[in-house]
Amino acid sequence: MKLSHRRRFIEGPAKSSIAVALAAFLASLIAGNSPAFAAEATAAAPVEFTSGGISPDKTKITYKIKVNTDKPLKEVHMNLKETDAGGKVLTETTLVWANIVHSTRQPIEQGKTYEDYSMLNPGATKVDCSLKEVIFADNTRWSASASAAMTPPPAPAPRPSQANEPPRVSASPAPKAPDRLAAIQVEVESFIKSVYRDMEQDDPGKVLKSFDDTVDYYSYGPKDKAFIAEQLRQYFAAFPARSFSVGEVTLAAPPSTSHKVSATFDVRYSLKDAATGTTTTGRSHVEWDLVKPDKVIKIVRFTGTSYPDAAP
């Protein structure tokens, strides 16, 4: 199985093993500091990128993107490096932002500032995040490094600490329905925990009943039950002993025209590898979209990001 954070798209070395792909079904824990925001800009840059460093709760890497150009944008790429207290580089890759909210690409508009985040790796105490390039809708590119080579960037402008601000403010927030969400909170939490209890058993068919006929499954896109059943079969074979603990569940209301509800939560996991006999623990940050046809909750979107614990 495979999971990923809803707005974190990573370019870099692929994690091909089924263990990693399926562990993404389950984790996210973090450590770090919270430096003041530092803005990065280059002459005539189509966007202004501001790194917020590690969030106050030490779970996320926060950043802002202000759109300066009227040329339609597709994506913004950032250089990302995460380092532990001993100076060891845990991650060095490219973070991609495309203003995707609830699996739907939203417009990127001139003059707006978008705040977003990516989950921090366990053990990371320092992050370096900088603007790399901008991809336009016509697939042309603007490179920060090429622009900097021609025109030296201005000195970084310190920004006030964001310790008292929420980790993310969406530029186009979905309408909220507090009463509706409160009414279904207990039911959704019970459903999620029951799915993970089923995951601890050796019955893929039972787990499969929780999925709709077609599921928006990670970067795979829409997949049918046959595909998910095969993922479950391989997962159970790779990890014959499994245990999960579901954390706090946060619900978000979809647009008023939709019957979906989004659930975001963390899962603590322990997996015994069939090949090595070793046990891997960690945390996954998971996000589902749910519907309730015929009075039975079904998963219609499944994504998340996995963070295995550091080796002792």
C-alpha atoms as a PDB file:
ATOM      1  CA  MET A   1       0.000   0.000   0.000  1.00  0.00           C
ATOM      2  CA  LYS A   2       1.100   3.518  -0.543  1.00  0.00           C
ATOM      3  CA  LEU A   3       0.465   6.784   1.287  1.00  0.00           C
ATOM      4  CA  SER A   4       1.472  10.435   1.000  1.00  0.00           C
ATOM      5  CA  HIS A   5       0.729  13.779   2.538  1.00  0.00           C
ATOM      6  CA  ARG A   6      -1.995  15.562   0.658  1.00  0.00           C
ATOM      7  CA  ARG A   7       0.168  18.495  -0.468  1.00  0.00           C
ATOM      8  CA  ARG A   8       3.608  17.013  -0.389  1.00  0.00           C
ATOM      9  CA  PHE A   9       4.842  15.709  -3.713  1.00  0.00           C
ATOM     10  CA  ILE A  10       8.461  14.599  -3.628  1.00  0.00           C
ATOM     11  CA  GLU A  11      10.964  14.254  -6.433  1.00  0.00           C
ATOM     12  CA  GLY A  12      14.055  12.237  -5.604  1.00  0.00           C
ATOM     13  CA  PRO A  13      15.089   8.639  -4.904  1.00  0.00           C
ATOM     14  CA  ALA A  14      12.034   6.410  -5.171  1.00  0.00           C
ATOM     15  CA  LYS A  15      11.093   4.206  -2.244  1.00  0.00           C
ATOM     16  CA  SER A  16      10.222   1.076  -4.135  1.00  0.00           C
ATOM     17  CA  SER A  17       9.878  -1.597  -1.480  1.00  0.00           C
ATOM     18  CA  ILE A  18       6.418  -2.634  -0.442  1.00  0.00           C
ATOM     19  CA  ALA A  19       7.440  -2.034   3.156  1.00  0.00           C
ATOM     20  CA  VAL A  20       7.996   1.664   2.591  1.00  0.00           C
ATOM     21  CA  ALA A  21       5.078   2.059   0.234  1.00  0.00           C
ATOM     22  CA  LEU A  22       2.708   0.485   2.701  1.00  0.00           C
ATOM     23  CA  ALA A  23       4.199   2.040   5.762  1.00  0.00           C
ATOM     24  CA  ALA A  24       3.040   5.276   4.199  1.00  0.00           C
ATOM     25  CA  PHE A  25      -0.398   3.926   4.961  1.00  0.00           C
ATOM     26  CA  LEU A  26       0.404   4.552   8.588  1.00  0.00           C
ATOM     27  CA  ALA A  27       2.642   7.478  10.185  1.00  0.00           C
ATOM     28  CA  SER A  28       4.065  11.104  11.157  1.00  0.00           C
ATOM     29  CA  LEU A  29       6.102  12.291  14.127  1.00  0.00           C
ATOM     30  CA  ILE A  30       8.488  15.096  14.349  1.00  0.00           C
ATOM     31  CA  ALA A  31      11.022  17.163  16.339  1.00  0.00           C
ATOM     32  CA  GLY A  32      12.654  20.485  15.689  1.00  0.00           C
ATOM     33  CA  ASN A  33      12.884  24.202  16.225  1.00  0.00           C
ATOM     34  CA  SER A  34      10.850  27.212  15.099  1.00  0.00           C
ATOM     35  CA  PRO A  35      13.008  29.914  13.528  1.00  0.00           C
ATOM     36  CA  ALA A  36      11.598  33.246  12.472  1.00  0.00           C
ATOM     37  CA  PHE A  37      10.332  33.469   8.923  1.00  0.00           C
ATOM     38  CA  ALA A  38      12.987  34.396   6.390  1.00  0.00           C
ATOM     39  CA  ALA A  39      11.908  35.644   2.959  1.00  0.00           C
ATOM     40  CA  GLU A  40      13.732  34.758  -0.231  1.00  0.00           C
ATOM     41  CA  ALA A  41      13.248  36.766  -3.402  1.00  0.00           C
ATOM     42  CA  THR A  42      15.025  37.231  -6.689  1.00  0.00           C
ATOM     43  CA  ALA A  43      14.766  40.034  -9.197  1.00  0.00           C
ATOM     44  CA  ALA A  44      11.658  39.768 -11.353  1.00  0.00           C
ATOM     45  CA  ALA A  45      10.749  36.512  -9.629  1.00  0.00           C
ATOM     46  CA  PRO A  46       7.247  35.293 -10.530  1.00  0.00           C
ATOM     47  CA  VAL A  47       6.707  34.340  -6.867  1.00  0.00           C
ATOM     48  CA  GLU A  48       8.068  35.369  -3.487  1.00  0.00           C
ATOM     49  CA  PHE A  49       8.881  32.377  -1.313  1.00  0.00           C
ATOM     50  CA  THR A  50       9.025  32.632   2.494  1.00  0.00           C
ATOM     51  CA  SER A  51      10.256  29.742   4.615  1.00  0.00           C
ATOM     52  CA  GLY A  52       8.711  29.507   8.075  1.00  0.00           C
ATOM     53  CA  GLY A  53      11.050  26.763   9.235  1.00  0.00           C
ATOM     54  CA  ILE A  54       9.759  24.225  11.740  1.00  0.00           C
ATOM     55  CA  SER A  55       6.319  24.877  13.200  1.00  0.00           C
ATOM     56  CA  PRO A  56       5.890  25.548  16.953  1.00  0.00           C
ATOM     57  CA  ASP A  57       4.463  22.051  17.475  1.00  0.00           C
ATOM     58  CA  LYS A  58       7.574  20.585  15.791  1.00  0.00           C
ATOM     59  CA  THR A  59       5.584  18.516  13.326  1.00  0.00           C
ATOM     60  CA  LYS A  60       5.637  20.530  10.100  1.00  0.00           C
ATOM     61  CA  ILE A  61       7.767  22.596   7.742  1.00  0.00           C
ATOM     62  CA  THR A  62       5.802  25.778   7.020  1.00  0.00           C
ATOM     63  CA  TYR A  63       6.119  28.190   4.117  1.00  0.00           C
ATOM     64  CA  LYS A  64       4.373  30.960   2.182  1.00  0.00           C
ATOM     65  CA  ILE A  65       4.181  31.612  -1.543  1.00  0.00           C
ATOM     66  CA  LYS A  66       3.137  35.029  -2.843  1.00  0.00           C
ATOM     67  CA  VAL A  67       2.247  35.120  -6.538  1.00  0.00           C
ATOM     68  CA  ASN A  68       3.643  38.178  -8.333  1.00  0.00           C
ATOM     69  CA  THR A  69       3.064  37.219 -11.963  1.00  0.00           C
ATOM     70  CA  ASP A  70      -0.082  37.250 -14.061  1.00  0.00           C
ATOM     71  CA  LYS A  71       1.235  34.359 -16.149  1.00  0.00           C
ATOM     72  CA  PRO A  72      -0.691  31.185 -15.196  1.00  0.00           C
ATOM     73  CA  LEU A  73       1.291  28.936 -12.852  1.00  0.00           C
ATOM     74  CA  LYS A  74       1.274  25.157 -12.608  1.00  0.00           C
ATOM     75  CA  GLU A  75       3.732  24.362  -9.778  1.00  0.00           C
ATOM     76  CA  VAL A  76       6.339  25.888  -7.487  1.00  0.00           C
ATOM     77  CA  HIS A  77       9.386  23.738  -6.631  1.00  0.00           C
ATOM     78  CA  MET A  78      11.468  24.195  -3.466  1.00  0.00           C
ATOM     79  CA  ASN A  79      14.825  22.783  -2.388  1.00  0.00           C
ATOM     80  CA  LEU A  80      14.369  20.971   0.942  1.00  0.00           C
ATOM     81  CA  LYS A  81      17.024  19.654   3.319  1.00  0.00           C
ATOM     82  CA  GLU A  82      16.284  18.267   6.798  1.00  0.00           C
ATOM     83  CA  THR A  83      19.102  17.740   9.309  1.00  0.00           C
ATOM     84  CA  ASP A  84      19.219  16.126  12.751  1.00  0.00           C
ATOM     85  CA  ALA A  85      20.900  17.509  15.893  1.00  0.00           C
ATOM     86  CA  GLY A  86      24.188  15.828  14.979  1.00  0.00           C
ATOM     87  CA  GLY A  87      24.303  17.447  11.553  1.00  0.00           C
ATOM     88  CA  LYS A  88      23.273  14.298   9.656  1.00  0.00           C
ATOM     89  CA  VAL A  89      21.190  15.001   6.566  1.00  0.00           C
ATOM     90  CA  LEU A  90      17.923  13.058   6.846  1.00  0.00           C
ATOM     91  CA  THR A  91      16.297  14.297   3.645  1.00  0.00           C
ATOM     92  CA  GLU A  92      17.517  16.293   0.656  1.00  0.00           C
ATOM     93  CA  THR A  93      14.917  16.488  -2.081  1.00  0.00           C
ATOM     94  CA  THR A  94      12.481  18.717  -3.988  1.00  0.00           C
ATOM     95  CA  LEU A  95       9.188  19.803  -2.471  1.00  0.00           C
ATOM     96  CA  VAL A  96       6.446  20.558  -5.007  1.00  0.00           C
ATOM     97  CA  TRP A  97       3.515  22.898  -4.334  1.00  0.00           C
ATOM     98  CA  ALA A  98       0.568  22.972  -6.720  1.00  0.00           C
ATOM     99  CA  ASN A  99      -2.269  24.379  -4.560  1.00  0.00           C
ATOM    100  CA  ILE A 100      -4.024  21.015  -4.348  1.00  0.00           C
ATOM    101  CA  VAL A 101      -6.771  20.973  -1.731  1.00  0.00           C
ATOM    102  CA  HIS A 102      -8.724  17.781  -1.036  1.00  0.00           C
ATOM    103  CA  SER A 103      -7.219  16.134  -4.149  1.00  0.00           C
ATOM    104  CA  THR A 104      -8.430  18.985  -6.363  1.00  0.00           C
ATOM    105  CA  ARG A 105      -6.078  21.445  -8.043  1.00  0.00           C
ATOM    106  CA  GLN A 106      -7.175  24.985  -7.170  1.00  0.00           C
ATOM    107  CA  PRO A 107      -6.410  28.158  -9.166  1.00  0.00           C
ATOM    108  CA  ILE A 108      -3.122  29.944  -8.407  1.00  0.00           C
ATOM    109  CA  GLU A 109      -3.947  33.640  -8.597  1.00  0.00           C
ATOM    110  CA  GLN A 110      -1.771  36.732  -8.953  1.00  0.00           C
ATOM    111  CA  GLY A 111      -1.511  38.870  -5.829  1.00  0.00           C
ATOM    112  CA  LYS A 112      -2.493  36.125  -3.421  1.00  0.00           C
ATOM    113  CA  THR A 113      -0.325  34.656  -0.689  1.00  0.00           C
ATOM    114  CA  TYR A 114      -0.726  30.940  -0.018  1.00  0.00           C
ATOM    115  CA  GLU A 115       0.358  29.337   3.255  1.00  0.00           C
ATOM    116  CA  ASP A 116       1.097  25.621   3.315  1.00  0.00           C
ATOM    117  CA  TYR A 117       3.187  22.998   5.052  1.00  0.00           C
ATOM    118  CA  SER A 118       4.920  19.647   4.673  1.00  0.00           C
ATOM    119  CA  MET A 119       5.325  17.048   7.405  1.00  0.00           C
ATOM    120  CA  LEU A 120       8.726  17.006   9.114  1.00  0.00           C
ATOM    121  CA  ASN A 121      10.872  13.877   9.270  1.00  0.00           C
ATOM    122  CA  PRO A 122      11.356  12.294  12.717  1.00  0.00           C
ATOM    123  CA  GLY A 123      14.517  13.486  14.401  1.00  0.00           C
ATOM    124  CA  ALA A 124      14.927  16.594  12.242  1.00  0.00           C
ATOM    125  CA  THR A 125      15.944  19.695  14.195  1.00  0.00           C
ATOM    126  CA  LYS A 126      16.858  21.974  11.304  1.00  0.00           C
ATOM    127  CA  VAL A 127      15.388  22.585   7.869  1.00  0.00           C
ATOM    128  CA  ASP A 128      16.653  24.533   4.878  1.00  0.00           C
ATOM    129  CA  CYS A 129      13.922  25.300   2.365  1.00  0.00           C
ATOM    130  CA  SER A 130      14.460  27.633  -0.578  1.00  0.00           C
ATOM    131  CA  LEU A 131      12.866  28.512  -3.893  1.00  0.00           C
ATOM    132  CA  LYS A 132      14.116  26.324  -6.756  1.00  0.00           C
ATOM    133  CA  GLU A 133      11.951  26.966  -9.804  1.00  0.00           C
ATOM    134  CA  VAL A 134       8.494  27.875 -11.050  1.00  0.00           C
ATOM    135  CA  ILE A 135       6.635  25.806 -13.648  1.00  0.00           C
ATOM    136  CA  PHE A 136       4.105  27.725 -15.728  1.00  0.00           C
ATOM    137  CA  ALA A 137       0.888  26.320 -17.155  1.00  0.00           C
ATOM    138  CA  ASP A 138       2.465  26.267 -20.625  1.00  0.00           C
ATOM    139  CA  ASN A 139       5.287  24.102 -19.145  1.00  0.00           C
ATOM    140  CA  THR A 140       7.927  26.827 -19.471  1.00  0.00           C
ATOM    141  CA  ARG A 141      10.154  27.322 -16.418  1.00  0.00           C
ATOM    142  CA  TRP A 142      11.702  30.080 -14.362  1.00  0.00           C
ATOM    143  CA  SER A 143      14.804  29.064 -12.377  1.00  0.00           C
ATOM    144  CA  ALA A 144      15.775  30.794  -9.137  1.00  0.00           C
ATOM    145  CA  SER A 145      19.419  29.797  -9.542  1.00  0.00           C
ATOM    146  CA  ALA A 146      19.616  31.135 -13.105  1.00  0.00           C
ATOM    147  CA  SER A 147      17.984  34.390 -12.077  1.00  0.00           C
ATOM    148  CA  ALA A 148      20.279  34.746  -9.072  1.00  0.00           C
ATOM    149  CA  ALA A 149      23.316  34.258 -11.304  1.00  0.00           C
ATOM    150  CA  MET A 150      22.271  37.278 -13.339  1.00  0.00           C
ATOM    151  CA  THR A 151      20.978  39.495 -10.510  1.00  0.00           C
ATOM    152  CA  PRO A 152      22.068  39.140  -6.860  1.00  0.00           C
ATOM    153  CA  PRO A 153      19.040  38.671  -4.597  1.00  0.00           C
ATOM    154  CA  PRO A 154      18.265  41.288  -1.931  1.00  0.00           C
ATOM    155  CA  ALA A 155      19.208  40.592   1.679  1.00  0.00           C
ATOM    156  CA  PRO A 156      16.777  38.328   3.536  1.00  0.00           C
ATOM    157  CA  ALA A 157      14.042  40.283   5.258  1.00  0.00           C
ATOM    158  CA  PRO A 158      13.255  38.953   8.760  1.00  0.00           C
ATOM    159  CA  ARG A 159       9.631  38.326   9.471  1.00  0.00           C
ATOM    160  CA  PRO A 160       7.869  38.149  12.860  1.00  0.00           C
ATOM    161  CA  SER A 161       7.552  34.720  14.460  1.00  0.00           C
ATOM    162  CA  GLN A 162       4.396  32.884  13.499  1.00  0.00           C
ATOM    163  CA  ALA A 163       4.209  30.939  16.765  1.00  0.00           C
ATOM    164  CA  ASN A 164       0.674  32.110  17.473  1.00  0.00           C
ATOM    165  CA  GLU A 165      -0.674  31.567  13.990  1.00  0.00           C
ATOM    166  CA  PRO A 166      -2.311  28.367  12.724  1.00  0.00           C
ATOM    167  CA  PRO A 167       0.006  26.151  10.658  1.00  0.00           C
ATOM    168  CA  ARG A 168      -1.943  26.757   7.469  1.00  0.00           C
ATOM    169  CA  VAL A 169      -4.479  29.229   6.151  1.00  0.00           C
ATOM    170  CA  SER A 170      -5.921  28.169   2.841  1.00  0.00           C
ATOM    171  CA  ALA A 171      -6.375  30.844   0.218  1.00  0.00           C
ATOM    172  CA  SER A 172      -9.639  29.214  -0.786  1.00  0.00           C
ATOM    173  CA  PRO A 173     -10.982  27.487   2.356  1.00  0.00           C
ATOM    174  CA  ALA A 174     -13.811  25.049   1.971  1.00  0.00           C
ATOM    175  CA  PRO A 175     -17.084  26.114   3.586  1.00  0.00           C
ATOM    176  CA  LYS A 176     -17.413  24.766   7.096  1.00  0.00           C
ATOM    177  CA  ALA A 177     -20.398  23.099   8.676  1.00  0.00           C
ATOM    178  CA  PRO A 178     -19.580  22.749  12.395  1.00  0.00           C
ATOM    179  CA  ASP A 179     -22.922  21.300  13.402  1.00  0.00           C
ATOM    180  CA  ARG A 180     -22.807  18.651  10.702  1.00  0.00           C
ATOM    181  CA  LEU A 181     -19.234  17.673  11.554  1.00  0.00           C
ATOM    182  CA  ALA A 182     -19.924  17.509  15.282  1.00  0.00           C
ATOM    183  CA  ALA A 183     -22.868  15.215  14.624  1.00  0.00           C
ATOM    184  CA  ILE A 184     -20.764  12.673  12.718  1.00  0.00           C
ATOM    185  CA  GLN A 185     -17.458  12.969  14.618  1.00  0.00           C
ATOM    186  CA  VAL A 186     -18.015   9.934  16.839  1.00  0.00           C
ATOM    187  CA  GLU A 187     -19.271   7.797  13.957  1.00  0.00           C
ATOM    188  CA  VAL A 188     -16.309   8.645  11.726  1.00  0.00           C
ATOM    189  CA  GLU A 189     -13.780   8.036  14.512  1.00  0.00           C
ATOM    190  CA  SER A 190     -15.360   4.655  15.202  1.00  0.00           C
ATOM    191  CA  PHE A 191     -15.212   3.765  11.512  1.00  0.00           C
ATOM    192  CA  ILE A 192     -11.520   4.700  11.195  1.00  0.00           C
ATOM    193  CA  LYS A 193     -10.532   2.721  14.281  1.00  0.00           C
ATOM    194  CA  SER A 194     -12.500  -0.298  13.080  1.00  0.00           C
ATOM    195  CA  VAL A 195     -10.631  -0.238   9.745  1.00  0.00           C
ATOM    196  CA  TYR A 196      -7.289  -0.360  11.551  1.00  0.00           C
ATOM    197  CA  ARG A 197      -8.510  -3.141  13.854  1.00  0.00           C
ATOM    198  CA  ASP A 198      -9.356  -5.079  10.703  1.00  0.00           C
ATOM    199  CA  MET A 199      -5.892  -4.264   9.366  1.00  0.00           C
ATOM    200  CA  GLU A 200      -4.415  -6.136  12.322  1.00  0.00           C
ATOM    201  CA  GLN A 201      -6.175  -9.317  11.199  1.00  0.00           C
ATOM    202  CA  ASP A 202      -5.406 -11.529   8.190  1.00  0.00           C
ATOM    203  CA  ASP A 203      -8.595 -10.954   6.225  1.00  0.00           C
ATOM    204  CA  PRO A 204      -8.039  -8.549   3.281  1.00  0.00           C
ATOM    205  CA  GLY A 205     -11.646  -9.019   2.219  1.00  0.00           C
ATOM    206  CA  LYS A 206     -12.900  -7.564   5.485  1.00  0.00           C
ATOM    207  CA  VAL A 207     -10.726  -4.473   5.096  1.00  0.00           C
ATOM    208  CA  LEU A 208     -11.781  -4.125   1.467  1.00  0.00           C
ATOM    209  CA  LYS A 209     -15.423  -3.706   2.517  1.00  0.00           C
ATOM    210  CA  SER A 210     -14.518  -0.286   3.899  1.00  0.00           C
ATOM    211  CA  PHE A 211     -13.492   0.988   0.448  1.00  0.00           C
ATOM    212  CA  ASP A 212     -15.832   2.293  -2.236  1.00  0.00           C
ATOM    213  CA  ASP A 213     -15.868   0.632  -5.661  1.00  0.00           C
ATOM    214  CA  THR A 214     -13.400   3.260  -6.940  1.00  0.00           C
ATOM    215  CA  VAL A 215     -10.882   5.033  -4.700  1.00  0.00           C
ATOM    216  CA  ASP A 216      -8.599   7.984  -5.428  1.00  0.00           C
ATOM    217  CA  TYR A 217      -5.505   6.148  -4.239  1.00  0.00           C
ATOM    218  CA  TYR A 218      -2.389   8.227  -3.746  1.00  0.00           C
ATOM    219  CA  SER A 219      -0.582   9.247  -6.906  1.00  0.00           C
ATOM    220  CA  TYR A 220      -2.078   6.188  -8.614  1.00  0.00           C
ATOM    221  CA  GLY A 221      -5.328   8.081  -9.116  1.00  0.00           C
ATOM    222  CA  PRO A 222      -8.682   6.277  -9.310  1.00  0.00           C
ATOM    223  CA  LYS A 223      -8.290   2.531  -8.617  1.00  0.00           C
ATOM    224  CA  ASP A 224     -10.815  -0.278  -8.309  1.00  0.00           C
ATOM    225  CA  LYS A 225     -11.152  -2.802  -5.508  1.00  0.00           C
ATOM    226  CA  ALA A 226      -9.130  -5.426  -7.357  1.00  0.00           C
ATOM    227  CA  PHE A 227      -6.083  -3.158  -7.281  1.00  0.00           C
ATOM    228  CA  ILE A 228      -6.504  -2.360  -3.578  1.00  0.00           C
ATOM    229  CA  ALA A 229      -7.114  -6.030  -2.754  1.00  0.00           C
ATOM    230  CA  GLU A 230      -3.758  -6.927  -4.306  1.00  0.00           C
ATOM    231  CA  GLN A 231      -2.046  -4.166  -2.315  1.00  0.00           C
ATOM    232  CA  LEU A 232      -3.578  -5.524   0.878  1.00  0.00           C
ATOM    233  CA  ARG A 233      -2.556  -9.084   0.041  1.00  0.00           C
ATOM    234  CA  GLN A 234       1.059  -8.067  -0.500  1.00  0.00           C
ATOM    235  CA  TYR A 235       1.017  -5.913   2.623  1.00  0.00           C
ATOM    236  CA  PHE A 236      -0.268  -8.701   4.857  1.00  0.00           C
ATOM    237  CA  ALA A 237       2.321 -11.088   3.422  1.00  0.00           C
ATOM    238  CA  ALA A 238       5.170  -8.606   3.909  1.00  0.00           C
ATOM    239  CA  PHE A 239       4.152  -7.742   7.487  1.00  0.00           C
ATOM    240  CA  PRO A 240       2.513 -10.774   9.148  1.00  0.00           C
ATOM    241  CA  ALA A 241       2.364  -9.038  12.561  1.00  0.00           C
ATOM    242  CA  ARG A 242       0.804  -5.565  12.645  1.00  0.00           C
ATOM    243  CA  SER A 243      -0.544  -3.187  15.267  1.00  0.00           C
ATOM    244  CA  PHE A 244      -1.959   0.323  14.935  1.00  0.00           C
ATOM    245  CA  SER A 245      -3.055   3.143  17.222  1.00  0.00           C
ATOM    246  CA  VAL A 246      -5.208   5.937  15.795  1.00  0.00           C
ATOM    247  CA  GLY A 247      -4.717   9.449  17.176  1.00  0.00           C
ATOM    248  CA  GLU A 248      -7.017  12.450  17.160  1.00  0.00           C
ATOM    249  CA  VAL A 249      -9.281  12.705  14.118  1.00  0.00           C
ATOM    250  CA  THR A 250      -9.972  16.091  12.517  1.00  0.00           C
ATOM    251  CA  LEU A 251     -12.904  16.474  10.132  1.00  0.00           C
ATOM    252  CA  ALA A 252     -13.241  19.073   7.388  1.00  0.00           C
ATOM    253  CA  ALA A 253     -16.407  20.010   5.569  1.00  0.00           C
ATOM    254  CA  PRO A 254     -16.328  19.726   1.778  1.00  0.00           C
ATOM    255  CA  PRO A 255     -17.920  22.228  -0.609  1.00  0.00           C
ATOM    256  CA  SER A 256     -21.668  22.478  -0.102  1.00  0.00           C
ATOM    257  CA  THR A 257     -22.287  20.627  -3.361  1.00  0.00           C
ATOM    258  CA  SER A 258     -20.336  17.574  -2.184  1.00  0.00           C
ATOM    259  CA  HIS A 259     -21.422  14.775   0.114  1.00  0.00           C
ATOM    260  CA  LYS A 260     -17.852  13.910   1.080  1.00  0.00           C
ATOM    261  CA  VAL A 261     -16.199  14.509   4.428  1.00  0.00           C
ATOM    262  CA  SER A 262     -12.421  14.671   4.827  1.00  0.00           C
ATOM    263  CA  ALA A 263     -10.775  13.038   7.846  1.00  0.00           C
ATOM    264  CA  THR A 264      -7.164  13.775   8.829  1.00  0.00           C
ATOM    265  CA  PHE A 265      -5.371  11.847  11.570  1.00  0.00           C
ATOM    266  CA  ASP A 266      -2.116  10.259  12.691  1.00  0.00           C
ATOM    267  CA  VAL A 267      -1.584   6.514  13.118  1.00  0.00           C
ATOM    268  CA  ARG A 268       1.117   4.982  15.267  1.00  0.00           C
ATOM    269  CA  TYR A 269       2.203   1.623  13.813  1.00  0.00           C
ATOM    270  CA  SER A 270       4.367  -1.423  14.531  1.00  0.00           C
ATOM    271  CA  LEU A 271       5.165  -3.824  11.671  1.00  0.00           C
ATOM    272  CA  LYS A 272       7.116  -7.082  11.754  1.00  0.00           C
ATOM    273  CA  ASP A 273       8.966  -7.740   8.508  1.00  0.00           C
ATOM    274  CA  ALA A 274       8.451 -11.287   7.225  1.00  0.00           C
ATOM    275  CA  ALA A 275      11.787 -11.318   5.399  1.00  0.00           C
ATOM    276  CA  THR A 276      14.049 -10.082   8.215  1.00  0.00           C
ATOM    277  CA  GLY A 277      12.031 -10.748  11.345  1.00  0.00           C
ATOM    278  CA  THR A 278      12.698  -7.178  12.487  1.00  0.00           C
ATOM    279  CA  THR A 279      10.007  -4.814  13.743  1.00  0.00           C
ATOM    280  CA  THR A 280       9.597  -1.302  12.362  1.00  0.00           C
ATOM    281  CA  THR A 281       7.724   1.399  14.242  1.00  0.00           C
ATOM    282  CA  GLY A 282       6.688   4.857  13.188  1.00  0.00           C
ATOM    283  CA  ARG A 283       3.868   7.248  12.565  1.00  0.00           C
ATOM    284  CA  SER A 284       1.785   8.119   9.487  1.00  0.00           C
ATOM    285  CA  HIS A 285      -0.114  11.278   8.739  1.00  0.00           C
ATOM    286  CA  VAL A 286      -3.215  10.009   6.922  1.00  0.00           C
ATOM    287  CA  GLU A 287      -6.040  11.673   5.047  1.00  0.00           C
ATOM    288  CA  TRP A 288      -9.242  10.078   3.795  1.00  0.00           C
ATOM    289  CA  ASP A 289     -12.327  11.317   1.995  1.00  0.00           C
ATOM    290  CA  LEU A 290     -15.465   9.502   3.088  1.00  0.00           C
ATOM    291  CA  VAL A 291     -18.991   9.117   1.785  1.00  0.00           C
ATOM    292  CA  LYS A 292     -22.010   7.363   3.268  1.00  0.00           C
ATOM    293  CA  PRO A 293     -24.138   5.723   0.587  1.00  0.00           C
ATOM    294  CA  ASP A 294     -26.839   3.371   1.864  1.00  0.00           C
ATOM    295  CA  LYS A 295     -26.013   4.325   5.489  1.00  0.00           C
ATOM    296  CA  VAL A 296     -22.553   2.682   5.312  1.00  0.00           C
ATOM    297  CA  ILE A 297     -19.360   4.791   5.366  1.00  0.00           C
ATOM    298  CA  LYS A 298     -16.956   4.156   2.492  1.00  0.00           C
ATOM    299  CA  ILE A 299     -13.440   5.422   1.735  1.00  0.00           C
ATOM    300  CA  VAL A 300     -13.275   7.239  -1.614  1.00  0.00           C
ATOM    301  CA  ARG A 301      -9.848   8.872  -1.254  1.00  0.00           C
ATOM    302  CA  PHE A 302      -6.804   7.510   0.546  1.00  0.00           C
ATOM    303  CA  THR A 303      -3.484   9.324   0.972  1.00  0.00           C
ATOM    304  CA  GLY A 304      -0.846  10.107   3.594  1.00  0.00           C
ATOM    305  CA  THR A 305       2.852  10.322   4.474  1.00  0.00           C
ATOM    306  CA  SER A 306       4.869   7.763   6.432  1.00  0.00           C
ATOM    307  CA  TYR A 307       7.655   8.555   8.914  1.00  0.00           C
ATOM    308  CA  PRO A 308       9.434   5.488  10.339  1.00  0.00           C
ATOM    309  CA  ASP A 309      11.131   5.976  13.695  1.00  0.00           C
ATOM    310  CA  ALA A 310      14.879   6.482  13.643  1.00  0.00           C
ATOM    311  CA  ALA A 311      16.913   3.342  14.253  1.00  0.00           C
ATOM    312  CA  PRO A 312      18.133   3.046  17.876  1.00  0.00           C
END
